[in-house]
PDB file of all heavy atoms in Angstrom:
ATOM      1  N   TYR A   1      97.858 106.932 100.995  1.00  0.00           N
ATOM      2  CA  TYR A   1      96.662 107.684 101.351  1.00  0.00           C
ATOM      3  C   TYR A   1      96.611 109.013 100.621  1.00  0.00           C
ATOM      4  O   TYR A   1      97.640 109.653 100.384  1.00  0.00           O
ATOM      5  CB  TYR A   1      96.641 107.967 102.852  1.00  0.00           C
ATOM      6  CG  TYR A   1      96.597 106.741 103.713  1.00  0.00           C
ATOM      7  CD1 TYR A   1      97.769 106.155 104.194  1.00  0.00           C
ATOM      8  CD2 TYR A   1      95.375 106.150 104.060  1.00  0.00           C
ATOM      9  CE1 TYR A   1      97.735 105.024 104.984  1.00  0.00           C
ATOM     10  CE2 TYR A   1      95.334 105.019 104.859  1.00  0.00           C
ATOM     11  CZ  TYR A   1      96.508 104.456 105.304  1.00  0.00           C
ATOM     12  OH  TYR A   1      96.465 103.327 106.088  1.00  0.00           O
ATOM     13  N   ALA A   2      95.399 109.430 100.311  1.00  0.00           N
ATOM     14  CA  ALA A   2      95.209 110.792  99.836  1.00  0.00           C
ATOM     15  C   ALA A   2      95.532 111.748 100.977  1.00  0.00           C
ATOM     16  O   ALA A   2      95.320 111.429 102.150  1.00  0.00           O
ATOM     17  CB  ALA A   2      93.776 110.992  99.362  1.00  0.00           C
ATOM     18  N   ASN A   3      96.033 112.908 100.626  1.00  0.00           N
ATOM     19  CA  ASN A   3      96.455 113.851 101.660  1.00  0.00           C
ATOM     20  C   ASN A   3      95.318 114.214 102.614  1.00  0.00           C
ATOM     21  O   ASN A   3      95.548 114.426 103.813  1.00  0.00           O
ATOM     22  CB  ASN A   3      97.017 115.125 101.017  1.00  0.00           C
ATOM     23  CG  ASN A   3      98.392 114.905 100.421  1.00  0.00           C
ATOM     24  OD1 ASN A   3      99.134 114.010 100.832  1.00  0.00           O
ATOM     25  ND2 ASN A   3      98.750 115.702  99.423  1.00  0.00           N
ATOM     26  N   PHE A   4      94.101 114.273 102.084  1.00  0.00           N
ATOM     27  CA  PHE A   4      93.002 114.743 102.923  1.00  0.00           C
ATOM     28  C   PHE A   4      92.553 113.722 103.966  1.00  0.00           C
ATOM     29  O   PHE A   4      91.714 114.016 104.806  1.00  0.00           O
ATOM     30  CB  PHE A   4      91.805 115.201 102.065  1.00  0.00           C
ATOM     31  CG  PHE A   4      91.323 114.200 101.059  1.00  0.00           C
ATOM     32  CD1 PHE A   4      90.518 113.132 101.442  1.00  0.00           C
ATOM     33  CD2 PHE A   4      91.673 114.317  99.726  1.00  0.00           C
ATOM     34  CE1 PHE A   4      90.073 112.212 100.512  1.00  0.00           C
ATOM     35  CE2 PHE A   4      91.235 113.399  98.772  1.00  0.00           C
ATOM     36  CZ  PHE A   4      90.424 112.341  99.173  1.00  0.00           C
ATOM     37  N   VAL A   5      93.095 112.501 103.937  1.00  0.00           N
ATOM     38  CA  VAL A   5      92.742 111.510 104.967  1.00  0.00           C
ATOM     39  C   VAL A   5      93.953 111.038 105.771  1.00  0.00           C
ATOM     40  O   VAL A   5      93.798 110.285 106.728  1.00  0.00           O
ATOM     41  CB  VAL A   5      92.026 110.279 104.374  1.00  0.00           C
ATOM     42  CG1 VAL A   5      90.766 110.699 103.638  1.00  0.00           C
ATOM     43  CG2 VAL A   5      92.963 109.468 103.489  1.00  0.00           C
ATOM     44  N   LYS A   6      95.130 111.481 105.388  1.00  0.00           N
ATOM     45  CA  LYS A   6      96.331 111.048 106.107  1.00  0.00           C
ATOM     46  C   LYS A   6      96.241 111.392 107.584  1.00  0.00           C
ATOM     47  O   LYS A   6      95.866 112.499 107.963  1.00  0.00           O
ATOM     48  CB  LYS A   6      97.569 111.709 105.499  1.00  0.00           C
ATOM     49  CG  LYS A   6      98.092 111.018 104.266  1.00  0.00           C
ATOM     50  CD  LYS A   6      99.373 111.663 103.761  1.00  0.00           C
ATOM     51  CE  LYS A   6      99.889 110.974 102.523  1.00  0.00           C
ATOM     52  NZ  LYS A   6     101.104 111.623 101.983  1.00  0.00           N
ATOM     53  N   GLY A   7      96.571 110.402 108.414  1.00  0.00           N
ATOM     54  CA  GLY A   7      96.526 110.604 109.857  1.00  0.00           C
ATOM     55  C   GLY A   7      95.166 110.360 110.466  1.00  0.00           C
ATOM     56  O   GLY A   7      95.041 110.325 111.693  1.00  0.00           O
ATOM     57  N   ARG A   8      94.143 110.218 109.633  1.00  0.00           N
ATOM     58  CA  ARG A   8      92.782 109.990 110.145  1.00  0.00           C
ATOM     59  C   ARG A   8      92.241 108.629 109.740  1.00  0.00           C
ATOM     60  O   ARG A   8      91.518 107.991 110.500  1.00  0.00           O
ATOM     61  CB  ARG A   8      91.837 111.079 109.644  1.00  0.00           C
ATOM     62  CG  ARG A   8      92.224 112.484 110.060  1.00  0.00           C
ATOM     63  CD  ARG A   8      91.133 113.487 109.696  1.00  0.00           C
ATOM     64  NE  ARG A   8      90.864 113.573 108.269  1.00  0.00           N
ATOM     65  CZ  ARG A   8      89.674 113.344 107.708  1.00  0.00           C
ATOM     66  NH1 ARG A   8      88.635 113.041 108.469  1.00  0.00           N
ATOM     67  NH2 ARG A   8      89.518 113.458 106.391  1.00  0.00           N
ATOM     68  N   PHE A   9      92.544 108.189 108.524  1.00  0.00           N
ATOM     69  CA  PHE A   9      92.040 106.921 108.004  1.00  0.00           C
ATOM     70  C   PHE A   9      93.158 105.892 107.953  1.00  0.00           C
ATOM     71  O   PHE A   9      94.323 106.236 107.707  1.00  0.00           O
ATOM     72  CB  PHE A   9      91.490 107.097 106.597  1.00  0.00           C
ATOM     73  CG  PHE A   9      90.224 107.916 106.482  1.00  0.00           C
ATOM     74  CD1 PHE A   9      89.719 108.638 107.553  1.00  0.00           C
ATOM     75  CD2 PHE A   9      89.529 107.956 105.270  1.00  0.00           C
ATOM     76  CE1 PHE A   9      88.562 109.382 107.443  1.00  0.00           C
ATOM     77  CE2 PHE A   9      88.374 108.693 105.136  1.00  0.00           C
ATOM     78  CZ  PHE A   9      87.894 109.418 106.225  1.00  0.00           C
ATOM     79  N   THR A  10      92.781 104.640 108.146  1.00  0.00           N
ATOM     80  CA  THR A  10      93.744 103.540 108.046  1.00  0.00           C
ATOM     81  C   THR A  10      93.143 102.424 107.210  1.00  0.00           C
ATOM     82  O   THR A  10      92.056 101.934 107.513  1.00  0.00           O
ATOM     83  CB  THR A  10      94.109 102.990 109.429  1.00  0.00           C
ATOM     84  OG1 THR A  10      94.650 104.043 110.235  1.00  0.00           O
ATOM     85  CG2 THR A  10      95.141 101.879 109.304  1.00  0.00           C
ATOM     86  N   ILE A  11      93.868 102.030 106.171  1.00  0.00           N
ATOM     87  CA  ILE A  11      93.438 100.914 105.344  1.00  0.00           C
ATOM     88  C   ILE A  11      94.194  99.667 105.771  1.00  0.00           C
ATOM     89  O   ILE A  11      95.384  99.728 106.104  1.00  0.00           O
ATOM     90  CB  ILE A  11      93.662 101.225 103.842  1.00  0.00           C
ATOM     91  CG1 ILE A  11      93.024 100.148 102.959  1.00  0.00           C
ATOM     92  CG2 ILE A  11      95.150 101.386 103.526  1.00  0.00           C
ATOM     93  CD1 ILE A  11      93.020 100.502 101.479  1.00  0.00           C
ATOM     94  N   SER A  12      93.493  98.547 105.769  1.00  0.00           N
ATOM     95  CA  SER A  12      94.119  97.277 106.126  1.00  0.00           C
ATOM     96  C   SER A  12      93.426  96.163 105.357  1.00  0.00           C
ATOM     97  O   SER A  12      92.388  96.387 104.727  1.00  0.00           O
ATOM     98  CB  SER A  12      94.034  97.028 107.634  1.00  0.00           C
ATOM     99  OG  SER A  12      92.685  96.969 108.061  1.00  0.00           O
ATOM    100  N   ARG A  13      93.982  94.972 105.420  1.00  0.00           N
ATOM    101  CA  ARG A  13      93.396  93.858 104.698  1.00  0.00           C
ATOM    102  C   ARG A  13      93.604  92.567 105.454  1.00  0.00           C
ATOM    103  O   ARG A  13      94.568  92.407 106.208  1.00  0.00           O
ATOM    104  CB  ARG A  13      93.984  93.758 103.290  1.00  0.00           C
ATOM    105  CG  ARG A  13      95.482  93.493 103.234  1.00  0.00           C
ATOM    106  CD  ARG A  13      96.023  93.657 101.808  1.00  0.00           C
ATOM    107  NE  ARG A  13      95.606  92.569 100.938  1.00  0.00           N
ATOM    108  CZ  ARG A  13      95.690  92.600  99.611  1.00  0.00           C
ATOM    109  NH1 ARG A  13      96.156  93.685  99.013  1.00  0.00           N
ATOM    110  NH2 ARG A  13      95.310  91.563  98.883  1.00  0.00           N
ATOM    111  N   ASP A  14      92.685  91.638 105.213  1.00  0.00           N
ATOM    112  CA  ASP A  14      92.792  90.283 105.735  1.00  0.00           C
ATOM    113  C   ASP A  14      92.813  89.367 104.528  1.00  0.00           C
ATOM    114  O   ASP A  14      91.776  89.122 103.899  1.00  0.00           O
ATOM    115  CB  ASP A  14      91.603  89.978 106.647  1.00  0.00           C
ATOM    116  CG  ASP A  14      91.700  88.611 107.304  1.00  0.00           C
ATOM    117  OD1 ASP A  14      92.337  87.705 106.717  1.00  0.00           O
ATOM    118  OD2 ASP A  14      91.120  88.430 108.381  1.00  0.00           O
ATOM    119  N   ASN A  15      93.986  88.893 104.183  1.00  0.00           N
ATOM    120  CA  ASN A  15      94.123  88.096 102.962  1.00  0.00           C
ATOM    121  C   ASN A  15      93.373  86.769 103.047  1.00  0.00           C
ATOM    122  O   ASN A  15      92.883  86.273 102.033  1.00  0.00           O
ATOM    123  CB  ASN A  15      95.598  87.848 102.669  1.00  0.00           C
ATOM    124  CG  ASN A  15      96.324  89.127 102.276  1.00  0.00           C
ATOM    125  OD1 ASN A  15      95.736  90.036 101.692  1.00  0.00           O
ATOM    126  ND2 ASN A  15      97.613  89.200 102.594  1.00  0.00           N
ATOM    127  N   ALA A  16      93.271  86.223 104.225  1.00  0.00           N
ATOM    128  CA  ALA A  16      92.558  84.956 104.375  1.00  0.00           C
ATOM    129  C   ALA A  16      91.073  85.111 104.081  1.00  0.00           C
ATOM    130  O   ALA A  16      90.412  84.156 103.662  1.00  0.00           O
ATOM    131  CB  ALA A  16      92.757  84.408 105.783  1.00  0.00           C
ATOM    132  N   LYS A  17      90.572  86.310 104.289  1.00  0.00           N
ATOM    133  CA  LYS A  17      89.147  86.573 104.064  1.00  0.00           C
ATOM    134  C   LYS A  17      88.899  87.378 102.796  1.00  0.00           C
ATOM    135  O   LYS A  17      87.749  87.732 102.507  1.00  0.00           O
ATOM    136  CB  LYS A  17      88.563  87.326 105.263  1.00  0.00           C
ATOM    137  CG  LYS A  17      88.599  86.550 106.567  1.00  0.00           C
ATOM    138  CD  LYS A  17      87.999  87.370 107.697  1.00  0.00           C
ATOM    139  CE  LYS A  17      88.015  86.597 109.000  1.00  0.00           C
ATOM    140  NZ  LYS A  17      87.442  87.385 110.122  1.00  0.00           N
ATOM    141  N   ASN A  18      89.959  87.704 102.063  1.00  0.00           N
ATOM    142  CA  ASN A  18      89.824  88.554 100.869  1.00  0.00           C
ATOM    143  C   ASN A  18      89.030  89.815 101.179  1.00  0.00           C
ATOM    144  O   ASN A  18      88.128  90.210 100.429  1.00  0.00           O
ATOM    145  CB  ASN A  18      89.164  87.786  99.717  1.00  0.00           C
ATOM    146  CG  ASN A  18      90.067  86.722  99.128  1.00  0.00           C
ATOM    147  OD1 ASN A  18      91.293  86.862  99.129  1.00  0.00           O
ATOM    148  ND2 ASN A  18      89.486  85.638  98.656  1.00  0.00           N
ATOM    149  N   THR A  19      89.366  90.424 102.278  1.00  0.00           N
ATOM    150  CA  THR A  19      88.614  91.571 102.774  1.00  0.00           C
ATOM    151  C   THR A  19      89.544  92.759 102.998  1.00  0.00           C
ATOM    152  O   THR A  19      90.662  92.592 103.509  1.00  0.00           O
ATOM    153  CB  THR A  19      87.888  91.223 104.078  1.00  0.00           C
ATOM    154  OG1 THR A  19      86.963  90.157 103.815  1.00  0.00           O
ATOM    155  CG2 THR A  19      87.121  92.414 104.619  1.00  0.00           C
ATOM    156  N   VAL A  20      89.056  93.921 102.632  1.00  0.00           N
ATOM    157  CA  VAL A  20      89.784  95.169 102.885  1.00  0.00           C
ATOM    158  C   VAL A  20      88.928  96.024 103.811  1.00  0.00           C
ATOM    159  O   VAL A  20      87.692  96.004 103.725  1.00  0.00           O
ATOM    160  CB  VAL A  20      90.108  95.910 101.572  1.00  0.00           C
ATOM    161  CG1 VAL A  20      88.863  96.289 100.789  1.00  0.00           C
ATOM    162  CG2 VAL A  20      90.991  97.131 101.831  1.00  0.00           C
ATOM    163  N   TYR A  21      89.601  96.738 104.693  1.00  0.00           N
ATOM    164  CA  TYR A  21      88.934  97.574 105.673  1.00  0.00           C
ATOM    165  C   TYR A  21      89.396  99.030 105.522  1.00  0.00           C
ATOM    166  O   TYR A  21      90.502  99.289 105.052  1.00  0.00           O
ATOM    167  CB  TYR A  21      89.252  97.102 107.092  1.00  0.00           C
ATOM    168  CG  TYR A  21      88.937  95.668 107.348  1.00  0.00           C
ATOM    169  CD1 TYR A  21      89.927  94.686 107.237  1.00  0.00           C
ATOM    170  CD2 TYR A  21      87.650  95.259 107.701  1.00  0.00           C
ATOM    171  CE1 TYR A  21      89.646  93.354 107.463  1.00  0.00           C
ATOM    172  CE2 TYR A  21      87.361  93.920 107.934  1.00  0.00           C
ATOM    173  CZ  TYR A  21      88.362  92.976 107.816  1.00  0.00           C
ATOM    174  OH  TYR A  21      88.076  91.654 108.040  1.00  0.00           O
ATOM    175  N   LEU A  22      88.532  99.922 105.983  1.00  0.00           N
ATOM    176  CA  LEU A  22      88.920 101.327 106.076  1.00  0.00           C
ATOM    177  C   LEU A  22      88.432 101.851 107.423  1.00  0.00           C
ATOM    178  O   LEU A  22      87.225 102.009 107.625  1.00  0.00           O
ATOM    179  CB  LEU A  22      88.321 102.157 104.940  1.00  0.00           C
ATOM    180  CG  LEU A  22      88.806 103.615 104.892  1.00  0.00           C
ATOM    181  CD1 LEU A  22      90.293 103.663 104.511  1.00  0.00           C
ATOM    182  CD2 LEU A  22      87.982 104.428 103.883  1.00  0.00           C
ATOM    183  N   GLN A  23      89.367 102.043 108.324  1.00  0.00           N
ATOM    184  CA  GLN A  23      89.050 102.625 109.617  1.00  0.00           C
ATOM    185  C   GLN A  23      89.116 104.140 109.465  1.00  0.00           C
ATOM    186  O   GLN A  23      90.159 104.688 109.090  1.00  0.00           O
ATOM    187  CB  GLN A  23      90.051 102.162 110.674  1.00  0.00           C
ATOM    188  CG  GLN A  23      89.841 102.779 112.044  1.00  0.00           C
ATOM    189  CD  GLN A  23      88.543 102.355 112.695  1.00  0.00           C
ATOM    190  OE1 GLN A  23      88.194 101.173 112.668  1.00  0.00           O
ATOM    191  NE2 GLN A  23      87.825 103.301 113.280  1.00  0.00           N
ATOM    192  N   MET A  24      87.998 104.793 109.749  1.00  0.00           N
ATOM    193  CA  MET A  24      87.911 106.239 109.575  1.00  0.00           C
ATOM    194  C   MET A  24      87.698 106.895 110.931  1.00  0.00           C
ATOM    195  O   MET A  24      86.677 106.657 111.585  1.00  0.00           O
ATOM    196  CB  MET A  24      86.760 106.590 108.626  1.00  0.00           C
ATOM    197  CG  MET A  24      86.845 105.871 107.277  1.00  0.00           C
ATOM    198  SD  MET A  24      85.575 106.389 106.115  1.00  0.00           S
ATOM    199  CE  MET A  24      84.120 105.771 106.956  1.00  0.00           C
ATOM    200  N   ASN A  25      88.650 107.680 111.349  1.00  0.00           N
ATOM    201  CA  ASN A  25      88.581 108.397 112.620  1.00  0.00           C
ATOM    202  C   ASN A  25      88.550 109.898 112.363  1.00  0.00           C
ATOM    203  O   ASN A  25      88.872 110.369 111.270  1.00  0.00           O
ATOM    204  CB  ASN A  25      89.789 108.050 113.487  1.00  0.00           C
ATOM    205  CG  ASN A  25      89.866 106.587 113.842  1.00  0.00           C
ATOM    206  OD1 ASN A  25      88.841 105.910 113.973  1.00  0.00           O
ATOM    207  ND2 ASN A  25      91.076 106.083 114.003  1.00  0.00           N
ATOM    208  N   SER A  26      88.167 110.629 113.389  1.00  0.00           N
ATOM    209  CA  SER A  26      88.121 112.097 113.306  1.00  0.00           C
ATOM    210  C   SER A  26      87.386 112.553 112.045  1.00  0.00           C
ATOM    211  O   SER A  26      87.866 113.412 111.298  1.00  0.00           O
ATOM    212  CB  SER A  26      89.546 112.667 113.316  1.00  0.00           C
ATOM    213  OG  SER A  26      90.236 112.282 114.484  1.00  0.00           O
ATOM    214  N   LEU A  27      86.231 111.975 111.828  1.00  0.00           N
ATOM    215  CA  LEU A  27      85.488 112.261 110.610  1.00  0.00           C
ATOM    216  C   LEU A  27      85.046 113.715 110.565  1.00  0.00           C
ATOM    217  O   LEU A  27      84.681 114.318 111.583  1.00  0.00           O
ATOM    218  CB  LEU A  27      84.284 111.335 110.495  1.00  0.00           C
ATOM    219  CG  LEU A  27      84.643 109.914 110.037  1.00  0.00           C
ATOM    220  CD1 LEU A  27      83.550 108.926 110.383  1.00  0.00           C
ATOM    221  CD2 LEU A  27      84.919 109.906 108.538  1.00  0.00           C
ATOM    222  N   LYS A  28      85.071 114.256 109.358  1.00  0.00           N
ATOM    223  CA  LYS A  28      84.694 115.639 109.117  1.00  0.00           C
ATOM    224  C   LYS A  28      83.447 115.695 108.221  1.00  0.00           C
ATOM    225  O   LYS A  28      83.137 114.712 107.527  1.00  0.00           O
ATOM    226  CB  LYS A  28      85.840 116.386 108.416  1.00  0.00           C
ATOM    227  CG  LYS A  28      87.154 116.357 109.159  1.00  0.00           C
ATOM    228  CD  LYS A  28      88.249 117.033 108.340  1.00  0.00           C
ATOM    229  CE  LYS A  28      89.587 117.008 109.055  1.00  0.00           C
ATOM    230  NZ  LYS A  28      90.657 117.668 108.263  1.00  0.00           N
ATOM    231  N   LEU A  29      82.781 116.817 108.226  1.00  0.00           N
ATOM    232  CA  LEU A  29      81.595 116.977 107.386  1.00  0.00           C
ATOM    233  C   LEU A  29      81.919 116.676 105.928  1.00  0.00           C
ATOM    234  O   LEU A  29      81.114 116.047 105.219  1.00  0.00           O
ATOM    235  CB  LEU A  29      81.045 118.394 107.516  1.00  0.00           C
ATOM    236  CG  LEU A  29      80.520 118.813 108.881  1.00  0.00           C
ATOM    237  CD1 LEU A  29      80.047 120.259 108.841  1.00  0.00           C
ATOM    238  CD2 LEU A  29      79.403 117.896 109.334  1.00  0.00           C
TER     239      LEU A  29
END
């Protein structure tokens, strides 16, 4: 992760679906 999103964003993937996700919490302006 880039430092500016560490602890707030989570990347994950579903290989069966060839899909990547980005869960973004505590969003800032």
